[in-house]
Amino acid sequence: MLHALVTGNLDAISGLSARTVVLARFLDATLPRLTRGQCAEIVVAFREGVEETMCIADDIPLPDKYHTTLLEQVNVVLAALNRKIDVRC
């Protein structure tokens, strides 16, 4: 029973890790190709999506680590987009 629980948790963590790698590589591949205007539009849409997610998450008891990591990763993405927007040609 314990083995099945550990295996199930390991599978779930592995799946989340794989998704994270794919999304990070996608961001790395696409961000340099976006124009400043596209980045600005994405920032608005991304912020709206994050706000919606946070409203939903407020109704679900989640560990503090979830909220901390969510905000950290949101800030990483926003910083990358804002660096692209602020680049002076």
PDB file of N, CA and C in Angstrom:
ATOM      1  N   MET A   1       0.823  -1.193   0.000  1.00  0.00           N
ATOM      2  CA  MET A   1       0.000   0.000   0.000  1.00  0.00           C
ATOM      3  C   MET A   1       0.867   1.257   0.000  1.00  0.00           C
ATOM      4  N   LEU A   2       1.856   1.307   0.868  1.00  0.00           N
ATOM      5  CA  LEU A   2       2.750   2.458   0.929  1.00  0.00           C
ATOM      6  C   LEU A   2       3.522   2.605  -0.380  1.00  0.00           C
ATOM      7  N   HIS A   3       3.951   1.472  -0.923  1.00  0.00           N
ATOM      8  CA  HIS A   3       4.685   1.500  -2.200  1.00  0.00           C
ATOM      9  C   HIS A   3       3.832   2.102  -3.308  1.00  0.00           C
ATOM     10  N   ALA A   4       2.571   1.739  -3.373  1.00  0.00           N
ATOM     11  CA  ALA A   4       1.664   2.269  -4.393  1.00  0.00           C
ATOM     12  C   ALA A   4       1.460   3.769  -4.210  1.00  0.00           C
ATOM     13  N   LEU A   5       1.360   4.207  -2.963  1.00  0.00           N
ATOM     14  CA  LEU A   5       1.189   5.632  -2.679  1.00  0.00           C
ATOM     15  C   LEU A   5       2.428   6.424  -3.110  1.00  0.00           C
ATOM     16  N   VAL A   6       3.588   5.916  -2.744  1.00  0.00           N
ATOM     17  CA  VAL A   6       4.837   6.585  -3.118  1.00  0.00           C
ATOM     18  C   VAL A   6       4.995   6.605  -4.638  1.00  0.00           C
ATOM     19  N   THR A   7       4.713   5.503  -5.281  1.00  0.00           N
ATOM     20  CA  THR A   7       4.817   5.427  -6.740  1.00  0.00           C
ATOM     21  C   THR A   7       3.851   6.393  -7.406  1.00  0.00           C
ATOM     22  N   GLY A   8       2.638   6.475  -6.898  1.00  0.00           N
ATOM     23  CA  GLY A   8       1.652   7.402  -7.451  1.00  0.00           C
ATOM     24  C   GLY A   8       2.090   8.846  -7.300  1.00  0.00           C
ATOM     25  N   ASN A   9       2.617   9.190  -6.131  1.00  0.00           N
ATOM     26  CA  ASN A   9       3.101  10.555  -5.907  1.00  0.00           C
ATOM     27  C   ASN A   9       4.303  10.865  -6.790  1.00  0.00           C
ATOM     28  N   LEU A  10       5.200   9.907  -6.931  1.00  0.00           N
ATOM     29  CA  LEU A  10       6.371  10.107  -7.786  1.00  0.00           C
ATOM     30  C   LEU A  10       5.954  10.312  -9.240  1.00  0.00           C
ATOM     31  N   ASP A  11       4.968   9.545  -9.685  1.00  0.00           N
ATOM     32  CA  ASP A  11       4.459   9.715 -11.049  1.00  0.00           C
ATOM     33  C   ASP A  11       3.851  11.101 -11.235  1.00  0.00           C
ATOM     34  N   ALA A  12       3.092  11.562 -10.251  1.00  0.00           N
ATOM     35  CA  ALA A  12       2.470  12.888 -10.344  1.00  0.00           C
ATOM     36  C   ALA A  12       3.528  13.984 -10.379  1.00  0.00           C
ATOM     37  N   ILE A  13       4.523  13.873  -9.520  1.00  0.00           N
ATOM     38  CA  ILE A  13       5.606  14.869  -9.498  1.00  0.00           C
ATOM     39  C   ILE A  13       6.393  14.828 -10.801  1.00  0.00           C
ATOM     40  N   SER A  14       6.643  13.649 -11.320  1.00  0.00           N
ATOM     41  CA  SER A  14       7.368  13.524 -12.589  1.00  0.00           C
ATOM     42  C   SER A  14       6.585  14.168 -13.728  1.00  0.00           C
ATOM     43  N   GLY A  15       5.282  13.977 -13.727  1.00  0.00           N
ATOM     44  CA  GLY A  15       4.455  14.593 -14.762  1.00  0.00           C
ATOM     45  C   GLY A  15       4.478  16.104 -14.683  1.00  0.00           C
ATOM     46  N   LEU A  16       4.378  16.630 -13.469  1.00  0.00           N
ATOM     47  CA  LEU A  16       4.439  18.087 -13.295  1.00  0.00           C
ATOM     48  C   LEU A  16       5.808  18.634 -13.690  1.00  0.00           C
ATOM     49  N   SER A  17       6.845  17.913 -13.355  1.00  0.00           N
ATOM     50  CA  SER A  17       8.195  18.340 -13.718  1.00  0.00           C
ATOM     51  C   SER A  17       8.366  18.374 -15.235  1.00  0.00           C
ATOM     52  N   ALA A  18       7.866  17.371 -15.906  1.00  0.00           N
ATOM     53  CA  ALA A  18       7.970  17.324 -17.367  1.00  0.00           C
ATOM     54  C   ALA A  18       7.207  18.483 -18.000  1.00  0.00           C
ATOM     55  N   ARG A  19       6.028  18.784 -17.497  1.00  0.00           N
ATOM     56  CA  ARG A  19       5.255  19.920 -18.010  1.00  0.00           C
ATOM     57  C   ARG A  19       6.010  21.222 -17.796  1.00  0.00           C
ATOM     58  N   THR A  20       6.620  21.364 -16.644  1.00  0.00           N
ATOM     59  CA  THR A  20       7.378  22.572 -16.337  1.00  0.00           C
ATOM     60  C   THR A  20       8.538  22.750 -17.308  1.00  0.00           C
ATOM     61  N   VAL A  21       9.238  21.673 -17.598  1.00  0.00           N
ATOM     62  CA  VAL A  21      10.360  21.738 -18.537  1.00  0.00           C
ATOM     63  C   VAL A  21       9.864  22.154 -19.920  1.00  0.00           C
ATOM     64  N   VAL A  22       8.784  21.548 -20.377  1.00  0.00           N
ATOM     65  CA  VAL A  22       8.246  21.876 -21.698  1.00  0.00           C
ATOM     66  C   VAL A  22       7.831  23.344 -21.758  1.00  0.00           C
ATOM     67  N   LEU A  23       7.131  23.815 -20.753  1.00  0.00           N
ATOM     68  CA  LEU A  23       6.677  25.208 -20.756  1.00  0.00           C
ATOM     69  C   LEU A  23       7.851  26.185 -20.659  1.00  0.00           C
ATOM     70  N   ALA A  24       8.861  25.839 -19.891  1.00  0.00           N
ATOM     71  CA  ALA A  24      10.047  26.698 -19.792  1.00  0.00           C
ATOM     72  C   ALA A  24      10.769  26.764 -21.134  1.00  0.00           C
ATOM     73  N   ARG A  25      10.915  25.641 -21.793  1.00  0.00           N
ATOM     74  CA  ARG A  25      11.576  25.619 -23.112  1.00  0.00           C
ATOM     75  C   ARG A  25      10.748  26.367 -24.152  1.00  0.00           C
ATOM     76  N   PHE A  26       9.434  26.240 -24.049  1.00  0.00           N
ATOM     77  CA  PHE A  26       8.559  26.968 -24.964  1.00  0.00           C
ATOM     78  C   PHE A  26       8.726  28.472 -24.766  1.00  0.00           C
ATOM     79  N   LEU A  27       8.752  28.901 -23.527  1.00  0.00           N
ATOM     80  CA  LEU A  27       8.956  30.317 -23.229  1.00  0.00           C
ATOM     81  C   LEU A  27      10.311  30.781 -23.747  1.00  0.00           C
ATOM     82  N   ASP A  28      11.344  29.985 -23.520  1.00  0.00           N
ATOM     83  CA  ASP A  28      12.685  30.330 -24.003  1.00  0.00           C
ATOM     84  C   ASP A  28      12.727  30.441 -25.535  1.00  0.00           C
ATOM     85  N   ALA A  29      11.960  29.596 -26.205  1.00  0.00           N
ATOM     86  CA  ALA A  29      11.960  29.598 -27.676  1.00  0.00           C
ATOM     87  C   ALA A  29      11.114  30.724 -28.262  1.00  0.00           C
ATOM     88  N   THR A  30      10.029  31.073 -27.597  1.00  0.00           N
ATOM     89  CA  THR A  30       9.116  32.053 -28.176  1.00  0.00           C
ATOM     90  C   THR A  30       9.414  33.493 -27.778  1.00  0.00           C
ATOM     91  N   LEU A  31       9.838  33.704 -26.561  1.00  0.00           N
ATOM     92  CA  LEU A  31      10.027  35.069 -26.075  1.00  0.00           C
ATOM     93  C   LEU A  31      10.942  35.909 -26.966  1.00  0.00           C
ATOM     94  N   PRO A  32      12.070  35.391 -27.404  1.00  0.00           N
ATOM     95  CA  PRO A  32      12.942  36.219 -28.253  1.00  0.00           C
ATOM     96  C   PRO A  32      12.304  36.604 -29.593  1.00  0.00           C
ATOM     97  N   ARG A  33      11.293  35.878 -30.010  1.00  0.00           N
ATOM     98  CA  ARG A  33      10.661  36.128 -31.308  1.00  0.00           C
ATOM     99  C   ARG A  33       9.468  37.078 -31.225  1.00  0.00           C
ATOM    100  N   LEU A  34       9.064  37.419 -30.013  1.00  0.00           N
ATOM    101  CA  LEU A  34       7.919  38.303 -29.838  1.00  0.00           C
ATOM    102  C   LEU A  34       8.340  39.767 -29.956  1.00  0.00           C
ATOM    103  N   THR A  35       7.445  40.559 -30.509  1.00  0.00           N
ATOM    104  CA  THR A  35       7.701  41.994 -30.569  1.00  0.00           C
ATOM    105  C   THR A  35       7.375  42.613 -29.218  1.00  0.00           C
ATOM    106  N   ARG A  36       7.803  43.841 -29.039  1.00  0.00           N
ATOM    107  CA  ARG A  36       7.494  44.548 -27.794  1.00  0.00           C
ATOM    108  C   ARG A  36       5.981  44.666 -27.616  1.00  0.00           C
ATOM    109  N   GLY A  37       5.279  44.965 -28.697  1.00  0.00           N
ATOM    110  CA  GLY A  37       3.822  45.088 -28.631  1.00  0.00           C
ATOM    111  C   GLY A  37       3.149  43.781 -28.243  1.00  0.00           C
ATOM    112  N   GLN A  38       3.626  42.683 -28.812  1.00  0.00           N
ATOM    113  CA  GLN A  38       3.072  41.380 -28.465  1.00  0.00           C
ATOM    114  C   GLN A  38       3.310  41.066 -26.985  1.00  0.00           C
ATOM    115  N   CYS A  39       4.501  41.393 -26.503  1.00  0.00           N
ATOM    116  CA  CYS A  39       4.807  41.158 -25.084  1.00  0.00           C
ATOM    117  C   CYS A  39       3.873  41.970 -24.190  1.00  0.00           C
ATOM    118  N   ALA A  40       3.617  43.211 -24.571  1.00  0.00           N
ATOM    119  CA  ALA A  40       2.724  44.063 -23.772  1.00  0.00           C
ATOM    120  C   ALA A  40       1.313  43.471 -23.732  1.00  0.00           C
ATOM    121  N   GLU A  41       0.829  42.975 -24.858  1.00  0.00           N
ATOM    122  CA  GLU A  41      -0.498  42.350 -24.892  1.00  0.00           C
ATOM    123  C   GLU A  41      -0.521  41.080 -24.053  1.00  0.00           C
ATOM    124  N   ILE A  42       0.545  40.310 -24.116  1.00  0.00           N
ATOM    125  CA  ILE A  42       0.633  39.074 -23.344  1.00  0.00           C
ATOM    126  C   ILE A  42       0.644  39.370 -21.851  1.00  0.00           C
ATOM    127  N   VAL A  43       1.335  40.430 -21.441  1.00  0.00           N
ATOM    128  CA  VAL A  43       1.371  40.801 -20.023  1.00  0.00           C
ATOM    129  C   VAL A  43      -0.043  41.034 -19.518  1.00  0.00           C
ATOM    130  N   VAL A  44      -0.853  41.766 -20.265  1.00  0.00           N
ATOM    131  CA  VAL A  44      -2.229  42.048 -19.853  1.00  0.00           C
ATOM    132  C   VAL A  44      -3.027  40.745 -19.735  1.00  0.00           C
ATOM    133  N   ALA A  45      -2.961  39.908 -20.762  1.00  0.00           N
ATOM    134  CA  ALA A  45      -3.718  38.654 -20.754  1.00  0.00           C
ATOM    135  C   ALA A  45      -3.213  37.713 -19.653  1.00  0.00           C
ATOM    136  N   PHE A  46      -1.906  37.669 -19.469  1.00  0.00           N
ATOM    137  CA  PHE A  46      -1.319  36.805 -18.441  1.00  0.00           C
ATOM    138  C   PHE A  46      -1.762  37.245 -17.050  1.00  0.00           C
ATOM    139  N   ARG A  47      -1.710  38.547 -16.802  1.00  0.00           N
ATOM    140  CA  ARG A  47      -2.149  39.058 -15.491  1.00  0.00           C
ATOM    141  C   ARG A  47      -3.617  38.720 -15.230  1.00  0.00           C
ATOM    142  N   GLU A  48      -4.452  38.866 -16.257  1.00  0.00           N
ATOM    143  CA  GLU A  48      -5.871  38.534 -16.100  1.00  0.00           C
ATOM    144  C   GLU A  48      -6.041  37.053 -15.770  1.00  0.00           C
ATOM    145  N   GLY A  49      -5.299  36.199 -16.465  1.00  0.00           N
ATOM    146  CA  GLY A  49      -5.377  34.759 -16.200  1.00  0.00           C
ATOM    147  C   GLY A  49      -4.904  34.400 -14.806  1.00  0.00           C
ATOM    148  N   VAL A  50      -3.838  35.062 -14.369  1.00  0.00           N
ATOM    149  CA  VAL A  50      -3.326  34.812 -13.015  1.00  0.00           C
ATOM    150  C   VAL A  50      -4.337  35.266 -11.974  1.00  0.00           C
ATOM    151  N   GLU A  51      -4.943  36.428 -12.182  1.00  0.00           N
ATOM    152  CA  GLU A  51      -5.956  36.912 -11.237  1.00  0.00           C
ATOM    153  C   GLU A  51      -7.117  35.929 -11.130  1.00  0.00           C
ATOM    154  N   GLU A  52      -7.555  35.410 -12.272  1.00  0.00           N
ATOM    155  CA  GLU A  52      -8.652  34.438 -12.281  1.00  0.00           C
ATOM    156  C   GLU A  52      -8.247  33.179 -11.522  1.00  0.00           C
ATOM    157  N   THR A  53      -7.036  32.713 -11.765  1.00  0.00           N
ATOM    158  CA  THR A  53      -6.528  31.528 -11.077  1.00  0.00           C
ATOM    159  C   THR A  53      -6.458  31.751  -9.575  1.00  0.00           C
ATOM    160  N   MET A  54      -5.986  32.924  -9.174  1.00  0.00           N
ATOM    161  CA  MET A  54      -5.867  33.218  -7.748  1.00  0.00           C
ATOM    162  C   MET A  54      -7.236  33.292  -7.076  1.00  0.00           C
ATOM    163  N   CYS A  55      -8.231  33.800  -7.786  1.00  0.00           N
ATOM    164  CA  CYS A  55      -9.591  33.838  -7.230  1.00  0.00           C
ATOM    165  C   CYS A  55     -10.127  32.428  -7.007  1.00  0.00           C
ATOM    166  N   ILE A  56      -9.887  31.560  -7.958  1.00  0.00           N
ATOM    167  CA  ILE A  56     -10.326  30.163  -7.825  1.00  0.00           C
ATOM    168  C   ILE A  56      -9.566  29.483  -6.693  1.00  0.00           C
ATOM    169  N   ALA A  57      -8.256  29.730  -6.637  1.00  0.00           N
ATOM    170  CA  ALA A  57      -7.423  29.094  -5.611  1.00  0.00           C
ATOM    171  C   ALA A  57      -7.790  29.568  -4.216  1.00  0.00           C
ATOM    172  N   ASP A  58      -8.344  30.761  -4.093  1.00  0.00           N
ATOM    173  CA  ASP A  58      -8.759  31.263  -2.776  1.00  0.00           C
ATOM    174  C   ASP A  58      -9.851  30.402  -2.156  1.00  0.00           C
ATOM    175  N   ASP A  59     -10.623  29.732  -3.008  1.00  0.00           N
ATOM    176  CA  ASP A  59     -11.722  28.902  -2.520  1.00  0.00           C
ATOM    177  C   ASP A  59     -11.293  27.471  -2.189  1.00  0.00           C
ATOM    178  N   ILE A  60     -10.030  27.161  -2.475  1.00  0.00           N
ATOM    179  CA  ILE A  60      -9.524  25.806  -2.261  1.00  0.00           C
ATOM    180  C   ILE A  60      -8.379  25.869  -1.253  1.00  0.00           C
ATOM    181  N   PRO A  61      -8.444  25.072  -0.205  1.00  0.00           N
ATOM    182  CA  PRO A  61      -7.333  25.091   0.751  1.00  0.00           C
ATOM    183  C   PRO A  61      -6.083  24.473   0.131  1.00  0.00           C
ATOM    184  N   LEU A  62      -5.082  25.298  -0.076  1.00  0.00           N
ATOM    185  CA  LEU A  62      -3.814  24.853  -0.660  1.00  0.00           C
ATOM    186  C   LEU A  62      -2.679  25.240   0.278  1.00  0.00           C
ATOM    187  N   PRO A  63      -1.596  24.485   0.241  1.00  0.00           N
ATOM    188  CA  PRO A  63      -0.456  24.822   1.108  1.00  0.00           C
ATOM    189  C   PRO A  63       0.141  26.180   0.734  1.00  0.00           C
ATOM    190  N   ASP A  64       0.768  26.808   1.711  1.00  0.00           N
ATOM    191  CA  ASP A  64       1.440  28.085   1.461  1.00  0.00           C
ATOM    192  C   ASP A  64       2.468  27.963   0.344  1.00  0.00           C
ATOM    193  N   LYS A  65       3.116  26.807   0.242  1.00  0.00           N
ATOM    194  CA  LYS A  65       4.135  26.589  -0.798  1.00  0.00           C
ATOM    195  C   LYS A  65       3.528  26.780  -2.188  1.00  0.00           C
ATOM    196  N   TYR A  66       2.291  26.375  -2.378  1.00  0.00           N
ATOM    197  CA  TYR A  66       1.635  26.564  -3.671  1.00  0.00           C
ATOM    198  C   TYR A  66       1.567  28.044  -4.015  1.00  0.00           C
ATOM    199  N   HIS A  67       1.065  28.825  -3.087  1.00  0.00           N
ATOM    200  CA  HIS A  67       0.895  30.260  -3.331  1.00  0.00           C
ATOM    201  C   HIS A  67       2.244  30.951  -3.531  1.00  0.00           C
ATOM    202  N   THR A  68       3.219  30.590  -2.730  1.00  0.00           N
ATOM    203  CA  THR A  68       4.554  31.181  -2.842  1.00  0.00           C
ATOM    204  C   THR A  68       5.173  30.862  -4.203  1.00  0.00           C
ATOM    205  N   THR A  69       5.105  29.610  -4.582  1.00  0.00           N
ATOM    206  CA  THR A  69       5.686  29.193  -5.867  1.00  0.00           C
ATOM    207  C   THR A  69       4.932  29.823  -7.037  1.00  0.00           C
ATOM    208  N   LEU A  70       3.615  29.872  -6.942  1.00  0.00           N
ATOM    209  CA  LEU A  70       2.820  30.498  -7.992  1.00  0.00           C
ATOM    210  C   LEU A  70       3.261  31.939  -8.213  1.00  0.00           C
ATOM    211  N   LEU A  71       3.342  32.703  -7.140  1.00  0.00           N
ATOM    212  CA  LEU A  71       3.732  34.114  -7.266  1.00  0.00           C
ATOM    213  C   LEU A  71       5.178  34.269  -7.744  1.00  0.00           C
ATOM    214  N   GLU A  72       6.062  33.404  -7.286  1.00  0.00           N
ATOM    215  CA  GLU A  72       7.453  33.458  -7.751  1.00  0.00           C
ATOM    216  C   GLU A  72       7.528  33.232  -9.254  1.00  0.00           C
ATOM    217  N   GLN A  73       6.820  32.223  -9.734  1.00  0.00           N
ATOM    218  CA  GLN A  73       6.876  31.899 -11.160  1.00  0.00           C
ATOM    219  C   GLN A  73       6.174  32.960 -12.013  1.00  0.00           C
ATOM    220  N   VAL A  74       5.086  33.505 -11.509  1.00  0.00           N
ATOM    221  CA  VAL A  74       4.413  34.608 -12.209  1.00  0.00           C
ATOM    222  C   VAL A  74       5.387  35.781 -12.354  1.00  0.00           C
ATOM    223  N   ASN A  75       6.095  36.097 -11.279  1.00  0.00           N
ATOM    224  CA  ASN A  75       7.049  37.208 -11.325  1.00  0.00           C
ATOM    225  C   ASN A  75       8.203  36.938 -12.280  1.00  0.00           C
ATOM    226  N   VAL A  76       8.649  35.693 -12.384  1.00  0.00           N
ATOM    227  CA  VAL A  76       9.715  35.342 -13.332  1.00  0.00           C
ATOM    228  C   VAL A  76       9.247  35.597 -14.763  1.00  0.00           C
ATOM    229  N   VAL A  77       8.042  35.141 -15.080  1.00  0.00           N
ATOM    230  CA  VAL A  77       7.511  35.320 -16.434  1.00  0.00           C
ATOM    231  C   VAL A  77       7.280  36.808 -16.734  1.00  0.00           C
ATOM    232  N   LEU A  78       6.681  37.515 -15.791  1.00  0.00           N
ATOM    233  CA  LEU A  78       6.445  38.948 -16.010  1.00  0.00           C
ATOM    234  C   LEU A  78       7.751  39.714 -16.167  1.00  0.00           C
ATOM    235  N   ALA A  79       8.755  39.359 -15.398  1.00  0.00           N
ATOM    236  CA  ALA A  79      10.057  40.035 -15.520  1.00  0.00           C
ATOM    237  C   ALA A  79      10.652  39.795 -16.899  1.00  0.00           C
ATOM    238  N   ALA A  80      10.546  38.569 -17.402  1.00  0.00           N
ATOM    239  CA  ALA A  80      11.076  38.270 -18.735  1.00  0.00           C
ATOM    240  C   ALA A  80      10.331  39.065 -19.803  1.00  0.00           C
ATOM    241  N   LEU A  81       9.023  39.121 -19.696  1.00  0.00           N
ATOM    242  CA  LEU A  81       8.240  39.885 -20.664  1.00  0.00           C
ATOM    243  C   LEU A  81       8.561  41.380 -20.569  1.00  0.00           C
ATOM    244  N   ASN A  82       8.651  41.875 -19.355  1.00  0.00           N
ATOM    245  CA  ASN A  82       8.938  43.316 -19.180  1.00  0.00           C
ATOM    246  C   ASN A  82      10.339  43.688 -19.649  1.00  0.00           C
ATOM    247  N   ARG A  83      11.298  42.787 -19.490  1.00  0.00           N
ATOM    248  CA  ARG A  83      12.644  43.057 -20.038  1.00  0.00           C
ATOM    249  C   ARG A  83      12.571  43.209 -21.553  1.00  0.00           C
ATOM    250  N   LYS A  84      11.772  42.377 -22.171  1.00  0.00           N
ATOM    251  CA  LYS A  84      11.618  42.437 -23.635  1.00  0.00           C
ATOM    252  C   LYS A  84      10.927  43.753 -24.034  1.00  0.00           C
ATOM    253  N   ILE A  85       9.928  44.166 -23.255  1.00  0.00           N
ATOM    254  CA  ILE A  85       9.199  45.405 -23.548  1.00  0.00           C
ATOM    255  C   ILE A  85      10.119  46.614 -23.366  1.00  0.00           C
ATOM    256  N   ASP A  86      10.948  46.577 -22.341  1.00  0.00           N
ATOM    257  CA  ASP A  86      11.803  47.720 -21.994  1.00  0.00           C
ATOM    258  C   ASP A  86      13.066  47.823 -22.839  1.00  0.00           C
ATOM    259  N   VAL A  87      13.349  46.831 -23.676  1.00  0.00           N
ATOM    260  CA  VAL A  87      14.541  46.882 -24.527  1.00  0.00           C
ATOM    261  C   VAL A  87      14.437  48.062 -25.472  1.00  0.00           C
ATOM    262  N   ARG A  88      15.464  48.873 -25.487  1.00  0.00           N
ATOM    263  CA  ARG A  88      15.488  50.026 -26.387  1.00  0.00           C
ATOM    264  C   ARG A  88      16.273  49.668 -27.641  1.00  0.00           C
ATOM    265  N   CYS A  89      15.633  49.837 -28.757  1.00  0.00           N
ATOM    266  CA  CYS A  89      16.288  49.500 -30.034  1.00  0.00           C
ATOM    267  C   CYS A  89      17.101  50.677 -30.524  1.00  0.00           C
TER     268      CYS A  89
END
